[in-house]
Amino acid sequence: TLADLGLTRRVAVRTTSFVSNLSML
């Protein structure tokens, strides 16, 4: 969706777990 708008976001961390992502906020 961002690409369709000509935009990108900066990704700092990639994981395989939504729960892990929430825990590191």
mmCIF file of all heavy atoms, coordinates in Angstrom:
data_MODEL
# 
_entry.id   MODEL 
# 
loop_
_atom_site.group_PDB 
_atom_site.id 
_atom_site.type_symbol 
_atom_site.label_atom_id 
_atom_site.label_alt_id 
_atom_site.label_comp_id 
_atom_site.label_asym_id 
_atom_site.label_entity_id 
_atom_site.label_seq_id 
_atom_site.pdbx_PDB_ins_code 
_atom_site.Cartn_x 
_atom_site.Cartn_y 
_atom_site.Cartn_z 
_atom_site.occupancy 
_atom_site.B_iso_or_equiv 
_atom_site.pdbx_formal_charge 
_atom_site.auth_seq_id 
_atom_site.auth_comp_id 
_atom_site.auth_asym_id 
_atom_site.auth_atom_id 
_atom_site.pdbx_PDB_model_num 
ATOM 1   N N   . THR A 1 1  ? 0.830  -1.212  0.000  1.00 0.00 ? 1  THR A N   1 
ATOM 2   C CA  . THR A 1 1  ? 0.000  0.000   0.000  1.00 0.00 ? 1  THR A CA  1 
ATOM 3   C C   . THR A 1 1  ? 0.862  1.258   0.000  1.00 0.00 ? 1  THR A C   1 
ATOM 4   O O   . THR A 1 1  ? 0.567  2.238   -0.704 1.00 0.00 ? 1  THR A O   1 
ATOM 5   C CB  . THR A 1 1  ? -0.939 -0.002  1.217  1.00 0.00 ? 1  THR A CB  1 
ATOM 6   O OG1 . THR A 1 1  ? -1.716 -1.213  1.212  1.00 0.00 ? 1  THR A OG1 1 
ATOM 7   C CG2 . THR A 1 1  ? -1.878 1.194   1.185  1.00 0.00 ? 1  THR A CG2 1 
ATOM 8   N N   . LEU A 1 2  ? 1.942  1.256   0.778  1.00 0.00 ? 2  LEU A N   1 
ATOM 9   C CA  . LEU A 1 2  ? 2.858  2.392   0.787  1.00 0.00 ? 2  LEU A CA  1 
ATOM 10  C C   . LEU A 1 2  ? 3.512  2.585   -0.577 1.00 0.00 ? 2  LEU A C   1 
ATOM 11  O O   . LEU A 1 2  ? 3.662  3.716   -1.063 1.00 0.00 ? 2  LEU A O   1 
ATOM 12  C CB  . LEU A 1 2  ? 3.923  2.193   1.856  1.00 0.00 ? 2  LEU A CB  1 
ATOM 13  C CG  . LEU A 1 2  ? 3.499  2.375   3.313  1.00 0.00 ? 2  LEU A CG  1 
ATOM 14  C CD1 . LEU A 1 2  ? 4.619  1.963   4.254  1.00 0.00 ? 2  LEU A CD1 1 
ATOM 15  C CD2 . LEU A 1 2  ? 3.097  3.838   3.582  1.00 0.00 ? 2  LEU A CD2 1 
ATOM 16  N N   . ALA A 1 3  ? 3.908  1.467   -1.216 1.00 0.00 ? 3  ALA A N   1 
ATOM 17  C CA  . ALA A 1 3  ? 4.543  1.556   -2.533 1.00 0.00 ? 3  ALA A CA  1 
ATOM 18  C C   . ALA A 1 3  ? 3.614  2.186   -3.561 1.00 0.00 ? 3  ALA A C   1 
ATOM 19  O O   . ALA A 1 3  ? 4.060  2.940   -4.436 1.00 0.00 ? 3  ALA A O   1 
ATOM 20  C CB  . ALA A 1 3  ? 4.993  0.165   -2.989 1.00 0.00 ? 3  ALA A CB  1 
ATOM 21  N N   . ASP A 1 4  ? 2.311  1.895   -3.452 1.00 0.00 ? 4  ASP A N   1 
ATOM 22  C CA  . ASP A 1 4  ? 1.339  2.507   -4.370 1.00 0.00 ? 4  ASP A CA  1 
ATOM 23  C C   . ASP A 1 4  ? 1.299  4.023   -4.208 1.00 0.00 ? 4  ASP A C   1 
ATOM 24  O O   . ASP A 1 4  ? 0.919  4.743   -5.140 1.00 0.00 ? 4  ASP A O   1 
ATOM 25  C CB  . ASP A 1 4  ? -0.054 1.924   -4.128 1.00 0.00 ? 4  ASP A CB  1 
ATOM 26  C CG  . ASP A 1 4  ? -0.164 0.471   -4.580 1.00 0.00 ? 4  ASP A CG  1 
ATOM 27  O OD1 . ASP A 1 4  ? 0.687  0.043   -5.386 1.00 0.00 ? 4  ASP A OD1 1 
ATOM 28  O OD2 . ASP A 1 4  ? -1.087 -0.221  -4.127 1.00 0.00 ? 4  ASP A OD2 1 
ATOM 29  N N   . LEU A 1 5  ? 1.679  4.485   -3.015 1.00 0.00 ? 5  LEU A N   1 
ATOM 30  C CA  . LEU A 1 5  ? 1.706  5.925   -2.744 1.00 0.00 ? 5  LEU A CA  1 
ATOM 31  C C   . LEU A 1 5  ? 3.104  6.508   -2.972 1.00 0.00 ? 5  LEU A C   1 
ATOM 32  O O   . LEU A 1 5  ? 3.322  7.697   -2.712 1.00 0.00 ? 5  LEU A O   1 
ATOM 33  C CB  . LEU A 1 5  ? 1.282  6.182   -1.292 1.00 0.00 ? 5  LEU A CB  1 
ATOM 34  C CG  . LEU A 1 5  ? -0.136 5.734   -0.903 1.00 0.00 ? 5  LEU A CG  1 
ATOM 35  C CD1 . LEU A 1 5  ? -0.357 5.919   0.596  1.00 0.00 ? 5  LEU A CD1 1 
ATOM 36  C CD2 . LEU A 1 5  ? -1.174 6.525   -1.690 1.00 0.00 ? 5  LEU A CD2 1 
ATOM 37  N N   . GLY A 1 6  ? 4.033  5.671   -3.417 1.00 0.00 ? 6  GLY A N   1 
ATOM 38  C CA  . GLY A 1 6  ? 5.398  6.135   -3.624 1.00 0.00 ? 6  GLY A CA  1 
ATOM 39  C C   . GLY A 1 6  ? 6.164  6.319   -2.321 1.00 0.00 ? 6  GLY A C   1 
ATOM 40  O O   . GLY A 1 6  ? 7.109  7.107   -2.265 1.00 0.00 ? 6  GLY A O   1 
ATOM 41  N N   . LEU A 1 7  ? 5.773  5.578   -1.277 1.00 0.00 ? 7  LEU A N   1 
ATOM 42  C CA  . LEU A 1 7  ? 6.374  5.742   0.046  1.00 0.00 ? 7  LEU A CA  1 
ATOM 43  C C   . LEU A 1 7  ? 6.953  4.422   0.538  1.00 0.00 ? 7  LEU A C   1 
ATOM 44  O O   . LEU A 1 7  ? 6.585  3.347   0.058  1.00 0.00 ? 7  LEU A O   1 
ATOM 45  C CB  . LEU A 1 7  ? 5.319  6.235   1.046  1.00 0.00 ? 7  LEU A CB  1 
ATOM 46  C CG  . LEU A 1 7  ? 4.648  7.580   0.730  1.00 0.00 ? 7  LEU A CG  1 
ATOM 47  C CD1 . LEU A 1 7  ? 3.471  7.808   1.673  1.00 0.00 ? 7  LEU A CD1 1 
ATOM 48  C CD2 . LEU A 1 7  ? 5.661  8.713   0.832  1.00 0.00 ? 7  LEU A CD2 1 
ATOM 49  N N   . THR A 1 8  ? 7.853  4.512   1.507  1.00 0.00 ? 8  THR A N   1 
ATOM 50  C CA  . THR A 1 8  ? 8.402  3.335   2.173  1.00 0.00 ? 8  THR A CA  1 
ATOM 51  C C   . THR A 1 8  ? 8.507  3.621   3.665  1.00 0.00 ? 8  THR A C   1 
ATOM 52  O O   . THR A 1 8  ? 8.446  4.784   4.093  1.00 0.00 ? 8  THR A O   1 
ATOM 53  C CB  . THR A 1 8  ? 9.812  2.972   1.644  1.00 0.00 ? 8  THR A CB  1 
ATOM 54  O OG1 . THR A 1 8  ? 10.694 4.076   1.870  1.00 0.00 ? 8  THR A OG1 1 
ATOM 55  C CG2 . THR A 1 8  ? 9.762  2.638   0.161  1.00 0.00 ? 8  THR A CG2 1 
ATOM 56  N N   . ARG A 1 9  ? 8.657  2.574   4.438  1.00 0.00 ? 9  ARG A N   1 
ATOM 57  C CA  . ARG A 1 9  ? 8.905  2.734   5.873  1.00 0.00 ? 9  ARG A CA  1 
ATOM 58  C C   . ARG A 1 9  ? 10.291 2.166   6.195  1.00 0.00 ? 9  ARG A C   1 
ATOM 59  O O   . ARG A 1 9  ? 10.803 1.312   5.466  1.00 0.00 ? 9  ARG A O   1 
ATOM 60  C CB  . ARG A 1 9  ? 7.836  2.007   6.706  1.00 0.00 ? 9  ARG A CB  1 
ATOM 61  C CG  . ARG A 1 9  ? 7.692  0.533   6.388  1.00 0.00 ? 9  ARG A CG  1 
ATOM 62  C CD  . ARG A 1 9  ? 6.653  -0.148  7.261  1.00 0.00 ? 9  ARG A CD  1 
ATOM 63  N NE  . ARG A 1 9  ? 6.401  -1.524  6.842  1.00 0.00 ? 9  ARG A NE  1 
ATOM 64  C CZ  . ARG A 1 9  ? 5.694  -2.394  7.528  1.00 0.00 ? 9  ARG A CZ  1 
ATOM 65  N NH1 . ARG A 1 9  ? 5.160  -2.051  8.686  1.00 0.00 ? 9  ARG A NH1 1 
ATOM 66  N NH2 . ARG A 1 9  ? 5.507  -3.621  7.076  1.00 0.00 ? 9  ARG A NH2 1 
ATOM 67  N N   . ARG A 1 10 ? 10.875 2.641   7.263  1.00 0.00 ? 10 ARG A N   1 
ATOM 68  C CA  . ARG A 1 10 ? 12.187 2.150   7.663  1.00 0.00 ? 10 ARG A CA  1 
ATOM 69  C C   . ARG A 1 10 ? 12.006 0.990   8.628  1.00 0.00 ? 10 ARG A C   1 
ATOM 70  O O   . ARG A 1 10 ? 11.373 1.129   9.683  1.00 0.00 ? 10 ARG A O   1 
ATOM 71  C CB  . ARG A 1 10 ? 12.994 3.268   8.339  1.00 0.00 ? 10 ARG A CB  1 
ATOM 72  C CG  . ARG A 1 10 ? 14.400 2.809   8.758  1.00 0.00 ? 10 ARG A CG  1 
ATOM 73  C CD  . ARG A 1 10 ? 15.324 3.992   9.004  1.00 0.00 ? 10 ARG A CD  1 
ATOM 74  N NE  . ARG A 1 10 ? 14.893 4.809   10.124 1.00 0.00 ? 10 ARG A NE  1 
ATOM 75  C CZ  . ARG A 1 10 ? 15.300 4.614   11.377 1.00 0.00 ? 10 ARG A CZ  1 
ATOM 76  N NH1 . ARG A 1 10 ? 16.128 3.610   11.651 1.00 0.00 ? 10 ARG A NH1 1 
ATOM 77  N NH2 . ARG A 1 10 ? 14.892 5.411   12.347 1.00 0.00 ? 10 ARG A NH2 1 
ATOM 78  N N   . VAL A 1 11 ? 12.551 -0.149  8.269  1.00 0.00 ? 11 VAL A N   1 
ATOM 79  C CA  . VAL A 1 11 ? 12.437 -1.356  9.086  1.00 0.00 ? 11 VAL A CA  1 
ATOM 80  C C   . VAL A 1 11 ? 13.710 -1.521  9.902  1.00 0.00 ? 11 VAL A C   1 
ATOM 81  O O   . VAL A 1 11 ? 14.809 -1.599  9.348  1.00 0.00 ? 11 VAL A O   1 
ATOM 82  C CB  . VAL A 1 11 ? 12.199 -2.599  8.216  1.00 0.00 ? 11 VAL A CB  1 
ATOM 83  C CG1 . VAL A 1 11 ? 12.206 -3.861  9.070  1.00 0.00 ? 11 VAL A CG1 1 
ATOM 84  C CG2 . VAL A 1 11 ? 10.880 -2.464  7.457  1.00 0.00 ? 11 VAL A CG2 1 
ATOM 85  N N   . ALA A 1 12 ? 13.566 -1.566  11.217 1.00 0.00 ? 12 ALA A N   1 
ATOM 86  C CA  . ALA A 1 12 ? 14.713 -1.725  12.102 1.00 0.00 ? 12 ALA A CA  1 
ATOM 87  C C   . ALA A 1 12 ? 14.915 -3.169  12.549 1.00 0.00 ? 12 ALA A C   1 
ATOM 88  O O   . ALA A 1 12 ? 16.039 -3.599  12.799 1.00 0.00 ? 12 ALA A O   1 
ATOM 89  C CB  . ALA A 1 12 ? 14.551 -0.834  13.336 1.00 0.00 ? 12 ALA A CB  1 
ATOM 90  N N   . VAL A 1 13 ? 13.809 -3.925  12.661 1.00 0.00 ? 13 VAL A N   1 
ATOM 91  C CA  . VAL A 1 13 ? 13.887 -5.303  13.152 1.00 0.00 ? 13 VAL A CA  1 
ATOM 92  C C   . VAL A 1 13 ? 12.915 -6.166  12.350 1.00 0.00 ? 13 VAL A C   1 
ATOM 93  O O   . VAL A 1 13 ? 11.787 -5.748  12.076 1.00 0.00 ? 13 VAL A O   1 
ATOM 94  C CB  . VAL A 1 13 ? 13.522 -5.400  14.649 1.00 0.00 ? 13 VAL A CB  1 
ATOM 95  C CG1 . VAL A 1 13 ? 13.688 -6.840  15.155 1.00 0.00 ? 13 VAL A CG1 1 
ATOM 96  C CG2 . VAL A 1 13 ? 14.356 -4.444  15.486 1.00 0.00 ? 13 VAL A CG2 1 
ATOM 97  N N   . ARG A 1 14 ? 13.380 -7.376  11.983 1.00 0.00 ? 14 ARG A N   1 
ATOM 98  C CA  . ARG A 1 14 ? 12.513 -8.371  11.348 1.00 0.00 ? 14 ARG A CA  1 
ATOM 99  C C   . ARG A 1 14 ? 12.506 -9.633  12.208 1.00 0.00 ? 14 ARG A C   1 
ATOM 100 O O   . ARG A 1 14 ? 13.559 -10.102 12.629 1.00 0.00 ? 14 ARG A O   1 
ATOM 101 C CB  . ARG A 1 14 ? 13.005 -8.726  9.940  1.00 0.00 ? 14 ARG A CB  1 
ATOM 102 C CG  . ARG A 1 14 ? 12.960 -7.601  8.933  1.00 0.00 ? 14 ARG A CG  1 
ATOM 103 C CD  . ARG A 1 14 ? 13.412 -8.079  7.555  1.00 0.00 ? 14 ARG A CD  1 
ATOM 104 N NE  . ARG A 1 14 ? 13.529 -6.989  6.629  1.00 0.00 ? 14 ARG A NE  1 
ATOM 105 C CZ  . ARG A 1 14 ? 12.526 -6.494  5.910  1.00 0.00 ? 14 ARG A CZ  1 
ATOM 106 N NH1 . ARG A 1 14 ? 11.317 -7.057  6.023  1.00 0.00 ? 14 ARG A NH1 1 
ATOM 107 N NH2 . ARG A 1 14 ? 12.704 -5.483  5.088  1.00 0.00 ? 14 ARG A NH2 1 
ATOM 108 N N   . THR A 1 15 ? 11.343 -10.175 12.459 1.00 0.00 ? 15 THR A N   1 
ATOM 109 C CA  . THR A 1 15 ? 11.215 -11.423 13.213 1.00 0.00 ? 15 THR A CA  1 
ATOM 110 C C   . THR A 1 15 ? 10.201 -12.327 12.518 1.00 0.00 ? 15 THR A C   1 
ATOM 111 O O   . THR A 1 15 ? 9.638  -11.962 11.481 1.00 0.00 ? 15 THR A O   1 
ATOM 112 C CB  . THR A 1 15 ? 10.757 -11.180 14.661 1.00 0.00 ? 15 THR A CB  1 
ATOM 113 O OG1 . THR A 1 15 ? 9.340  -10.930 14.670 1.00 0.00 ? 15 THR A OG1 1 
ATOM 114 C CG2 . THR A 1 15 ? 11.482 -10.008 15.305 1.00 0.00 ? 15 THR A CG2 1 
ATOM 115 N N   . THR A 1 16 ? 9.946  -13.480 13.096 1.00 0.00 ? 16 THR A N   1 
ATOM 116 C CA  . THR A 1 16 ? 8.890  -14.367 12.608 1.00 0.00 ? 16 THR A CA  1 
ATOM 117 C C   . THR A 1 16 ? 7.728  -14.429 13.592 1.00 0.00 ? 16 THR A C   1 
ATOM 118 O O   . THR A 1 16 ? 6.903  -15.335 13.510 1.00 0.00 ? 16 THR A O   1 
ATOM 119 C CB  . THR A 1 16 ? 9.445  -15.786 12.387 1.00 0.00 ? 16 THR A CB  1 
ATOM 120 O OG1 . THR A 1 16 ? 9.973  -16.275 13.617 1.00 0.00 ? 16 THR A OG1 1 
ATOM 121 C CG2 . THR A 1 16 ? 10.529 -15.796 11.321 1.00 0.00 ? 16 THR A CG2 1 
ATOM 122 N N   . SER A 1 17 ? 7.643  -13.465 14.502 1.00 0.00 ? 17 SER A N   1 
ATOM 123 C CA  . SER A 1 17 ? 6.668  -13.563 15.589 1.00 0.00 ? 17 SER A CA  1 
ATOM 124 C C   . SER A 1 17 ? 6.010  -12.223 15.889 1.00 0.00 ? 17 SER A C   1 
ATOM 125 O O   . SER A 1 17 ? 6.686  -11.256 16.251 1.00 0.00 ? 17 SER A O   1 
ATOM 126 C CB  . SER A 1 17 ? 7.357  -14.089 16.858 1.00 0.00 ? 17 SER A CB  1 
ATOM 127 O OG  . SER A 1 17 ? 6.531  -13.945 17.983 1.00 0.00 ? 17 SER A OG  1 
ATOM 128 N N   . PHE A 1 18 ? 4.684  -12.173 15.767 1.00 0.00 ? 18 PHE A N   1 
ATOM 129 C CA  . PHE A 1 18 ? 3.945  -10.980 16.162 1.00 0.00 ? 18 PHE A CA  1 
ATOM 130 C C   . PHE A 1 18 ? 4.042  -10.746 17.663 1.00 0.00 ? 18 PHE A C   1 
ATOM 131 O O   . PHE A 1 18 ? 4.159  -9.603  18.116 1.00 0.00 ? 18 PHE A O   1 
ATOM 132 C CB  . PHE A 1 18 ? 2.467  -11.109 15.766 1.00 0.00 ? 18 PHE A CB  1 
ATOM 133 C CG  . PHE A 1 18 ? 2.203  -10.944 14.296 1.00 0.00 ? 18 PHE A CG  1 
ATOM 134 C CD1 . PHE A 1 18 ? 1.699  -11.982 13.543 1.00 0.00 ? 18 PHE A CD1 1 
ATOM 135 C CD2 . PHE A 1 18 ? 2.449  -9.733  13.662 1.00 0.00 ? 18 PHE A CD2 1 
ATOM 136 C CE1 . PHE A 1 18 ? 1.438  -11.836 12.192 1.00 0.00 ? 18 PHE A CE1 1 
ATOM 137 C CE2 . PHE A 1 18 ? 2.193  -9.562  12.310 1.00 0.00 ? 18 PHE A CE2 1 
ATOM 138 C CZ  . PHE A 1 18 ? 1.691  -10.629 11.575 1.00 0.00 ? 18 PHE A CZ  1 
ATOM 139 N N   . VAL A 1 19 ? 3.973  -11.823 18.430 1.00 0.00 ? 19 VAL A N   1 
ATOM 140 C CA  . VAL A 1 19 ? 4.050  -11.684 19.887 1.00 0.00 ? 19 VAL A CA  1 
ATOM 141 C C   . VAL A 1 19 ? 5.401  -11.109 20.288 1.00 0.00 ? 19 VAL A C   1 
ATOM 142 O O   . VAL A 1 19 ? 5.488  -10.218 21.149 1.00 0.00 ? 19 VAL A O   1 
ATOM 143 C CB  . VAL A 1 19 ? 3.811  -13.046 20.567 1.00 0.00 ? 19 VAL A CB  1 
ATOM 144 C CG1 . VAL A 1 19 ? 4.071  -12.950 22.070 1.00 0.00 ? 19 VAL A CG1 1 
ATOM 145 C CG2 . VAL A 1 19 ? 2.383  -13.525 20.312 1.00 0.00 ? 19 VAL A CG2 1 
ATOM 146 N N   . SER A 1 20 ? 6.466  -11.581 19.679 1.00 0.00 ? 20 SER A N   1 
ATOM 147 C CA  . SER A 1 20 ? 7.796  -11.048 19.958 1.00 0.00 ? 20 SER A CA  1 
ATOM 148 C C   . SER A 1 20 ? 7.872  -9.570  19.611 1.00 0.00 ? 20 SER A C   1 
ATOM 149 O O   . SER A 1 20 ? 8.440  -8.766  20.359 1.00 0.00 ? 20 SER A O   1 
ATOM 150 C CB  . SER A 1 20 ? 8.851  -11.834 19.169 1.00 0.00 ? 20 SER A CB  1 
ATOM 151 O OG  . SER A 1 20 ? 10.132 -11.263 19.337 1.00 0.00 ? 20 SER A OG  1 
ATOM 152 N N   . ASN A 1 21 ? 7.284  -9.200  18.490 1.00 0.00 ? 21 ASN A N   1 
ATOM 153 C CA  . ASN A 1 21 ? 7.309  -7.791  18.083 1.00 0.00 ? 21 ASN A CA  1 
ATOM 154 C C   . ASN A 1 21 ? 6.600  -6.907  19.102 1.00 0.00 ? 21 ASN A C   1 
ATOM 155 O O   . ASN A 1 21 ? 7.072  -5.816  19.432 1.00 0.00 ? 21 ASN A O   1 
ATOM 156 C CB  . ASN A 1 21 ? 6.671  -7.635  16.708 1.00 0.00 ? 21 ASN A CB  1 
ATOM 157 C CG  . ASN A 1 21 ? 7.521  -8.225  15.603 1.00 0.00 ? 21 ASN A CG  1 
ATOM 158 O OD1 . ASN A 1 21 ? 8.573  -8.796  15.867 1.00 0.00 ? 21 ASN A OD1 1 
ATOM 159 N ND2 . ASN A 1 21 ? 7.078  -8.099  14.373 1.00 0.00 ? 21 ASN A ND2 1 
ATOM 160 N N   . LEU A 1 22 ? 5.470  -7.371  19.599 1.00 0.00 ? 22 LEU A N   1 
ATOM 161 C CA  . LEU A 1 22 ? 4.752  -6.589  20.601 1.00 0.00 ? 22 LEU A CA  1 
ATOM 162 C C   . LEU A 1 22 ? 5.557  -6.469  21.892 1.00 0.00 ? 22 LEU A C   1 
ATOM 163 O O   . LEU A 1 22 ? 5.549  -5.423  22.545 1.00 0.00 ? 22 LEU A O   1 
ATOM 164 C CB  . LEU A 1 22 ? 3.392  -7.235  20.886 1.00 0.00 ? 22 LEU A CB  1 
ATOM 165 C CG  . LEU A 1 22 ? 2.321  -7.033  19.813 1.00 0.00 ? 22 LEU A CG  1 
ATOM 166 C CD1 . LEU A 1 22 ? 1.148  -7.978  20.026 1.00 0.00 ? 22 LEU A CD1 1 
ATOM 167 C CD2 . LEU A 1 22 ? 1.831  -5.586  19.801 1.00 0.00 ? 22 LEU A CD2 1 
ATOM 168 N N   . SER A 1 23 ? 6.274  -7.525  22.244 1.00 0.00 ? 23 SER A N   1 
ATOM 169 C CA  . SER A 1 23 ? 7.015  -7.510  23.508 1.00 0.00 ? 23 SER A CA  1 
ATOM 170 C C   . SER A 1 23 ? 8.211  -6.571  23.467 1.00 0.00 ? 23 SER A C   1 
ATOM 171 O O   . SER A 1 23 ? 8.702  -6.149  24.523 1.00 0.00 ? 23 SER A O   1 
ATOM 172 C CB  . SER A 1 23 ? 7.484  -8.926  23.855 1.00 0.00 ? 23 SER A CB  1 
ATOM 173 O OG  . SER A 1 23 ? 8.480  -9.373  22.956 1.00 0.00 ? 23 SER A OG  1 
ATOM 174 N N   . MET A 1 24 ? 8.706  -6.233  22.278 1.00 0.00 ? 24 MET A N   1 
ATOM 175 C CA  . MET A 1 24 ? 9.883  -5.365  22.215 1.00 0.00 ? 24 MET A CA  1 
ATOM 176 C C   . MET A 1 24 ? 9.524  -3.887  22.044 1.00 0.00 ? 24 MET A C   1 
ATOM 177 O O   . MET A 1 24 ? 10.398 -3.044  21.896 1.00 0.00 ? 24 MET A O   1 
ATOM 178 C CB  . MET A 1 24 ? 10.819 -5.820  21.084 1.00 0.00 ? 24 MET A CB  1 
ATOM 179 C CG  . MET A 1 24 ? 10.328 -5.585  19.692 1.00 0.00 ? 24 MET A CG  1 
ATOM 180 S SD  . MET A 1 24 ? 11.578 -6.092  18.449 1.00 0.00 ? 24 MET A SD  1 
ATOM 181 C CE  . MET A 1 24 ? 11.579 -7.861  18.639 1.00 0.00 ? 24 MET A CE  1 
ATOM 182 N N   . LEU A 1 25 ? 8.238  -3.540  22.117 1.00 0.00 ? 25 LEU A N   1 
ATOM 183 C CA  . LEU A 1 25 ? 7.836  -2.142  21.950 1.00 0.00 ? 25 LEU A CA  1 
ATOM 184 C C   . LEU A 1 25 ? 8.126  -1.311  23.193 1.00 0.00 ? 25 LEU A C   1 
ATOM 185 O O   . LEU A 1 25 ? 8.431  -0.115  23.087 1.00 0.00 ? 25 LEU A O   1 
ATOM 186 C CB  . LEU A 1 25 ? 6.345  -2.068  21.608 1.00 0.00 ? 25 LEU A CB  1 
ATOM 187 C CG  . LEU A 1 25 ? 5.926  -2.693  20.278 1.00 0.00 ? 25 LEU A CG  1 
ATOM 188 C CD1 . LEU A 1 25 ? 4.416  -2.557  20.081 1.00 0.00 ? 25 LEU A CD1 1 
ATOM 189 C CD2 . LEU A 1 25 ? 6.669  -2.070  19.103 1.00 0.00 ? 25 LEU A CD2 1 
# 
